[in-house]
C-alpha atoms as a PDB file:
ATOM      1  CA  MET A   1     127.599 108.737  17.597  1.00  0.00           C
ATOM      2  CA  LYS A   2     125.580 108.730  20.798  1.00  0.00           C
ATOM      3  CA  SER A   3     127.919 106.345  22.620  1.00  0.00           C
ATOM      4  CA  ILE A   4     131.244 107.896  21.540  1.00  0.00           C
ATOM      5  CA  PRO A   5     131.506 110.322  24.512  1.00  0.00           C
ATOM      6  CA  ASN A   6     130.826 107.458  26.955  1.00  0.00           C
ATOM      7  CA  PHE A   7     133.347 105.269  25.146  1.00  0.00           C
ATOM      8  CA  LEU A   8     135.970 108.036  25.505  1.00  0.00           C
ATOM      9  CA  SER A   9     135.337 108.192  29.258  1.00  0.00           C
ATOM     10  CA  LEU A  10     135.622 104.405  29.533  1.00  0.00           C
ATOM     11  CA  PHE A  11     138.810 104.546  27.479  1.00  0.00           C
ATOM     12  CA  ARG A  12     140.243 106.980  30.048  1.00  0.00           C
ATOM     13  CA  ILE A  13     139.561 104.465  32.815  1.00  0.00           C
ATOM     14  CA  LEU A  14     140.949 101.536  30.821  1.00  0.00           C
ATOM     15  CA  THR A  15     144.255 103.300  30.139  1.00  0.00           C
ATOM     16  CA  VAL A  16     145.177 103.395  33.825  1.00  0.00           C
ATOM     17  CA  LEU A  17     146.581  99.855  34.011  1.00  0.00           C
ATOM     18  CA  PRO A  18     148.683 100.087  30.821  1.00  0.00           C
ATOM     19  CA  ILE A  19     150.126 103.396  32.023  1.00  0.00           C
ATOM     20  CA  ILE A  20     151.012 101.893  35.401  1.00  0.00           C
ATOM     21  CA  TYR A  21     152.572  98.855  33.724  1.00  0.00           C
ATOM     22  CA  LEU A  22     154.659 101.055  31.424  1.00  0.00           C
ATOM     23  CA  LEU A  23     155.807 103.136  34.395  1.00  0.00           C
ATOM     24  CA  GLN A  24     156.791  99.968  36.217  1.00  0.00           C
ATOM     25  CA  ILE A  25     158.986  98.796  33.334  1.00  0.00           C
ATOM     26  CA  ASP A  26     160.491 102.287  32.882  1.00  0.00           C
ATOM     27  CA  TRP A  27     158.899 103.031  29.508  1.00  0.00           C
ATOM     28  CA  TYR A  28     158.197 106.614  30.522  1.00  0.00           C
ATOM     29  CA  VAL A  29     157.766 108.117  27.060  1.00  0.00           C
ATOM     30  CA  LEU A  30     155.159 105.545  25.999  1.00  0.00           C
ATOM     31  CA  ALA A  31     153.397 105.900  29.368  1.00  0.00           C
ATOM     32  CA  ALA A  32     153.360 109.675  28.870  1.00  0.00           C
ATOM     33  CA  LEU A  33     152.007 109.309  25.342  1.00  0.00           C
ATOM     34  CA  ILE A  34     149.133 107.085  26.486  1.00  0.00           C
ATOM     35  CA  PHE A  35     148.442 109.434  29.404  1.00  0.00           C
ATOM     36  CA  PHE A  36     148.405 112.397  27.013  1.00  0.00           C
ATOM     37  CA  ILE A  37     145.941 110.675  24.658  1.00  0.00           C
ATOM     38  CA  SER A  38     143.827 109.654  27.630  1.00  0.00           C
ATOM     39  CA  SER A  39     143.841 113.243  28.923  1.00  0.00           C
ATOM     40  CA  LEU A  40     142.668 114.552  25.568  1.00  0.00           C
ATOM     41  CA  THR A  41     139.596 112.322  25.750  1.00  0.00           C
ATOM     42  CA  ASP A  42     138.431 114.420  28.713  1.00  0.00           C
ATOM     43  CA  TYR A  43     138.039 117.385  26.397  1.00  0.00           C
ATOM     44  CA  PHE A  44     136.586 115.482  23.466  1.00  0.00           C
ATOM     45  CA  ASP A  45     133.939 113.513  25.364  1.00  0.00           C
ATOM     46  CA  GLY A  46     132.384 116.728  26.682  1.00  0.00           C
ATOM     47  CA  TYR A  47     132.817 118.571  23.396  1.00  0.00           C
ATOM     48  CA  LEU A  48     131.093 115.842  21.380  1.00  0.00           C
ATOM     49  CA  ALA A  49     128.292 115.424  23.904  1.00  0.00           C
ATOM     50  CA  ARG A  50     127.537 119.154  23.843  1.00  0.00           C
ATOM     51  CA  LYS A  51     127.997 119.615  20.089  1.00  0.00           C
ATOM     52  CA  TYR A  52     125.633 116.785  19.168  1.00  0.00           C
ATOM     53  CA  SER A  53     123.266 117.306  22.124  1.00  0.00           C
ATOM     54  CA  ILE A  54     123.853 113.806  23.435  1.00  0.00           C
ATOM     55  CA  GLU A  55     124.624 114.708  27.034  1.00  0.00           C
ATOM     56  CA  SER A  56     123.359 112.170  29.548  1.00  0.00           C
ATOM     57  CA  GLU A  57     123.474 111.517  33.268  1.00  0.00           C
ATOM     58  CA  LEU A  58     125.492 108.362  32.621  1.00  0.00           C
ATOM     59  CA  GLY A  59     127.936 110.338  30.487  1.00  0.00           C
ATOM     60  CA  ALA A  60     128.340 113.066  33.100  1.00  0.00           C
ATOM     61  CA  PHE A  61     128.928 110.413  35.779  1.00  0.00           C
ATOM     62  CA  LEU A  62     131.429 108.474  33.647  1.00  0.00           C
ATOM     63  CA  ASP A  63     133.326 111.652  32.794  1.00  0.00           C
ATOM     64  CA  LEU A  64     133.548 112.643  36.442  1.00  0.00           C
ATOM     65  CA  ILE A  65     134.643 109.201  37.613  1.00  0.00           C
ATOM     66  CA  ALA A  66     137.069 108.682  34.715  1.00  0.00           C
ATOM     67  CA  ASP A  67     138.958 111.878  35.552  1.00  0.00           C
ATOM     68  CA  LYS A  68     139.246 110.946  39.202  1.00  0.00           C
ATOM     69  CA  ILE A  69     140.312 107.360  38.518  1.00  0.00           C
ATOM     70  CA  LEU A  70     142.954 108.466  36.024  1.00  0.00           C
ATOM     71  CA  VAL A  71     144.399 111.237  38.200  1.00  0.00           C
ATOM     72  CA  VAL A  72     144.270 109.454  41.556  1.00  0.00           C
ATOM     73  CA  ALA A  73     145.537 106.074  40.329  1.00  0.00           C
ATOM     74  CA  ILE A  74     148.473 107.562  38.434  1.00  0.00           C
ATOM     75  CA  LEU A  75     149.373 109.932  41.277  1.00  0.00           C
ATOM     76  CA  VAL A  76     149.332 107.083  43.803  1.00  0.00           C
ATOM     77  CA  TRP A  77     151.559 105.021  41.543  1.00  0.00           C
ATOM     78  CA  LEU A  78     153.959 107.937  41.020  1.00  0.00           C
ATOM     79  CA  VAL A  79     154.145 108.445  44.793  1.00  0.00           C
ATOM     80  CA  PHE A  80     155.044 104.764  45.079  1.00  0.00           C
ATOM     81  CA  LEU A  81     157.685 105.007  42.330  1.00  0.00           C
ATOM     82  CA  PHE A  82     159.292 108.297  43.334  1.00  0.00           C
ATOM     83  CA  ALA A  83     159.078 108.064  47.129  1.00  0.00           C
ATOM     84  CA  ASN A  84     159.094 111.867  47.108  1.00  0.00           C
ATOM     85  CA  GLN A  85     157.712 113.600  50.200  1.00  0.00           C
ATOM     86  CA  ALA A  86     156.496 116.714  48.347  1.00  0.00           C
ATOM     87  CA  LEU A  87     154.670 114.592  45.768  1.00  0.00           C
ATOM     88  CA  THR A  88     153.115 112.549  48.579  1.00  0.00           C
ATOM     89  CA  ILE A  89     151.770 115.652  50.345  1.00  0.00           C
ATOM     90  CA  ILE A  90     150.480 117.191  47.107  1.00  0.00           C
ATOM     91  CA  SER A  91     148.813 113.907  46.135  1.00  0.00           C
ATOM     92  CA  ILE A  92     147.114 113.591  49.519  1.00  0.00           C
ATOM     93  CA  LEU A  93     145.757 117.130  49.155  1.00  0.00           C
ATOM     94  CA  ILE A  94     144.437 116.328  45.672  1.00  0.00           C
ATOM     95  CA  ILE A  95     142.832 113.074  46.810  1.00  0.00           C
ATOM     96  CA  LEU A  96     141.223 114.719  49.845  1.00  0.00           C
ATOM     97  CA  ARG A  97     139.749 117.458  47.663  1.00  0.00           C
ATOM     98  CA  GLU A  98     138.378 114.873  45.241  1.00  0.00           C
ATOM     99  CA  ILE A  99     136.704 112.975  48.083  1.00  0.00           C
ATOM    100  CA  VAL A 100     135.156 116.187  49.446  1.00  0.00           C
ATOM    101  CA  ILE A 101     133.904 117.460  46.059  1.00  0.00           C
ATOM    102  CA  THR A 102     132.517 114.059  45.061  1.00  0.00           C
ATOM    103  CA  SER A 103     130.733 113.726  48.394  1.00  0.00           C
ATOM    104  CA  PHE A 104     129.377 117.264  48.102  1.00  0.00           C
ATOM    105  CA  ARG A 105     128.133 116.635  44.563  1.00  0.00           C
ATOM    106  CA  TYR A 106     126.473 113.417  45.746  1.00  0.00           C
ATOM    107  CA  TYR A 107     124.775 115.397  48.510  1.00  0.00           C
ATOM    108  CA  LEU A 108     123.567 118.010  46.006  1.00  0.00           C
ATOM    109  CA  VAL A 109     122.134 115.282  43.792  1.00  0.00           C
ATOM    110  CA  SER A 110     120.450 113.617  46.786  1.00  0.00           C
ATOM    111  CA  ILE A 111     118.654 116.844  47.728  1.00  0.00           C
ATOM    112  CA  GLU A 112     117.815 117.515  44.062  1.00  0.00           C
ATOM    113  CA  ALA A 113     119.723 120.791  44.059  1.00  0.00           C
ATOM    114  CA  ASP A 114     119.954 123.023  41.013  1.00  0.00           C
ATOM    115  CA  PRO A 115     121.954 121.054  38.377  1.00  0.00           C
ATOM    116  CA  GLU A 116     124.034 124.166  37.709  1.00  0.00           C
ATOM    117  CA  LEU A 117     125.514 123.800  41.210  1.00  0.00           C
ATOM    118  CA  ILE A 118     126.769 120.305  40.383  1.00  0.00           C
ATOM    119  CA  LYS A 119     128.549 121.157  37.131  1.00  0.00           C
ATOM    120  CA  ALA A 120     132.266 121.856  37.082  1.00  0.00           C
ATOM    121  CA  ASN A 121     133.153 125.530  37.251  1.00  0.00           C
ATOM    122  CA  LYS A 122     135.892 127.176  35.179  1.00  0.00           C
ATOM    123  CA  TYR A 123     138.412 126.797  38.023  1.00  0.00           C
ATOM    124  CA  GLY A 124     137.665 123.079  38.243  1.00  0.00           C
ATOM    125  CA  LYS A 125     138.250 122.731  34.511  1.00  0.00           C
ATOM    126  CA  LEU A 126     141.472 124.735  34.730  1.00  0.00           C
ATOM    127  CA  LYS A 127     142.535 122.570  37.682  1.00  0.00           C
ATOM    128  CA  THR A 128     141.979 119.423  35.627  1.00  0.00           C
ATOM    129  CA  ALA A 129     144.062 120.801  32.757  1.00  0.00           C
ATOM    130  CA  PHE A 130     146.889 121.716  35.177  1.00  0.00           C
ATOM    131  CA  GLN A 131     146.714 118.264  36.788  1.00  0.00           C
ATOM    132  CA  PHE A 132     146.901 116.476  33.450  1.00  0.00           C
ATOM    133  CA  PHE A 133     149.776 118.688  32.277  1.00  0.00           C
ATOM    134  CA  SER A 134     151.672 118.282  35.570  1.00  0.00           C
ATOM    135  CA  ILE A 135     151.186 114.515  35.698  1.00  0.00           C
ATOM    136  CA  LEU A 136     152.386 114.244  32.104  1.00  0.00           C
ATOM    137  CA  PHE A 137     155.581 116.057  33.155  1.00  0.00           C
ATOM    138  CA  LEU A 138     155.891 113.847  36.226  1.00  0.00           C
ATOM    139  CA  ILE A 139     155.634 110.706  34.120  1.00  0.00           C
ATOM    140  CA  LEU A 140     158.497 111.927  31.928  1.00  0.00           C
ATOM    141  CA  SER A 141     160.663 113.259  34.775  1.00  0.00           C
ATOM    142  CA  PRO A 142     162.604 110.045  35.594  1.00  0.00           C
ATOM    143  CA  SER A 143     164.181 110.199  32.158  1.00  0.00           C
ATOM    144  CA  LEU A 144     165.062 113.886  32.574  1.00  0.00           C
ATOM    145  CA  THR A 145     166.728 116.126  35.179  1.00  0.00           C
ATOM    146  CA  ASN A 146     165.692 116.900  38.764  1.00  0.00           C
ATOM    147  CA  LEU A 147     164.760 120.401  37.607  1.00  0.00           C
ATOM    148  CA  TYR A 148     162.069 118.796  35.497  1.00  0.00           C
ATOM    149  CA  LEU A 149     160.676 116.975  38.553  1.00  0.00           C
ATOM    150  CA  THR A 150     160.741 120.215  40.555  1.00  0.00           C
ATOM    151  CA  THR A 151     158.923 122.075  37.784  1.00  0.00           C
ATOM    152  CA  SER A 152     156.324 119.302  37.654  1.00  0.00           C
ATOM    153  CA  LEU A 153     155.767 119.548  41.408  1.00  0.00           C
ATOM    154  CA  VAL A 154     155.349 123.333  41.189  1.00  0.00           C
ATOM    155  CA  LEU A 155     152.761 122.926  38.418  1.00  0.00           C
ATOM    156  CA  LEU A 156     150.970 120.247  40.419  1.00  0.00           C
ATOM    157  CA  SER A 157     150.972 122.591  43.427  1.00  0.00           C
ATOM    158  CA  VAL A 158     149.278 125.242  41.294  1.00  0.00           C
ATOM    159  CA  SER A 159     146.624 122.655  40.426  1.00  0.00           C
ATOM    160  CA  VAL A 160     146.105 122.067  44.167  1.00  0.00           C
ATOM    161  CA  LEU A 161     145.515 125.788  44.700  1.00  0.00           C
ATOM    162  CA  LEU A 162     143.083 125.874  41.781  1.00  0.00           C
ATOM    163  CA  SER A 163     141.308 122.770  43.046  1.00  0.00           C
ATOM    164  CA  TYR A 164     140.715 124.225  46.501  1.00  0.00           C
ATOM    165  CA  LEU A 165     139.648 127.539  44.950  1.00  0.00           C
ATOM    166  CA  SER A 166     137.063 125.696  42.847  1.00  0.00           C
ATOM    167  CA  LEU A 167     135.928 123.796  45.955  1.00  0.00           C
ATOM    168  CA  ILE A 168     135.425 127.056  47.862  1.00  0.00           C
ATOM    169  CA  ILE A 169     133.469 128.461  44.914  1.00  0.00           C
ATOM    170  CA  TYR A 170     131.235 125.363  44.909  1.00  0.00           C
ATOM    171  CA  PHE A 171     130.462 125.885  48.588  1.00  0.00           C
ATOM    172  CA  MET A 172     129.931 129.638  48.139  1.00  0.00           C
ATOM    173  CA  ASN A 173     127.516 129.083  45.236  1.00  0.00           C
ATOM    174  CA  TRP A 174     125.599 126.540  47.283  1.00  0.00           C
ATOM    175  CA  ILE A 175     125.375 128.928  50.255  1.00  0.00           C
ATOM    176  CA  LYS A 176     124.066 131.698  47.963  1.00  0.00           C
ATOM    177  CA  LYS A 177     121.269 129.395  46.750  1.00  0.00           C
ATOM    178  CA  GLN A 178     120.151 128.617  50.315  1.00  0.00           C
END
């Protein structure tokens, strides 16, 4: 039982290449299904680790990295496939935020800051849910109408707003602890 949460995080990382391959061969529904299953593992790895008190530093690191690898890799590939300017700008904003928050968390760890500062806040968790939901829609959009793509981009834009809000909250909490 102890290794199941870590396995779920590794599974999330390992699904990236099959999803990209399926997108490349236009099997959007199967790519979306694998992405959906992969997204669900984000919830279950944390749930199981907390429920059975098997949280670990390795698990927290794998969870963090798995989310970023899944989101960034699939977004970059979708930018490549769609050649859509709005998606490109949104993706750059998401990637920049992820670089900043990861660097900031690394800094907090290096100065041995309060572990509560490093954990994801509720806006970060909501952002992740919006990103997963939006990317799922984006994966399916080539087989649907342009309205579907537009809706996906709006949802992804909301996730950008949530992600920068959570970033600001991280910085504000850190400043309060100084």
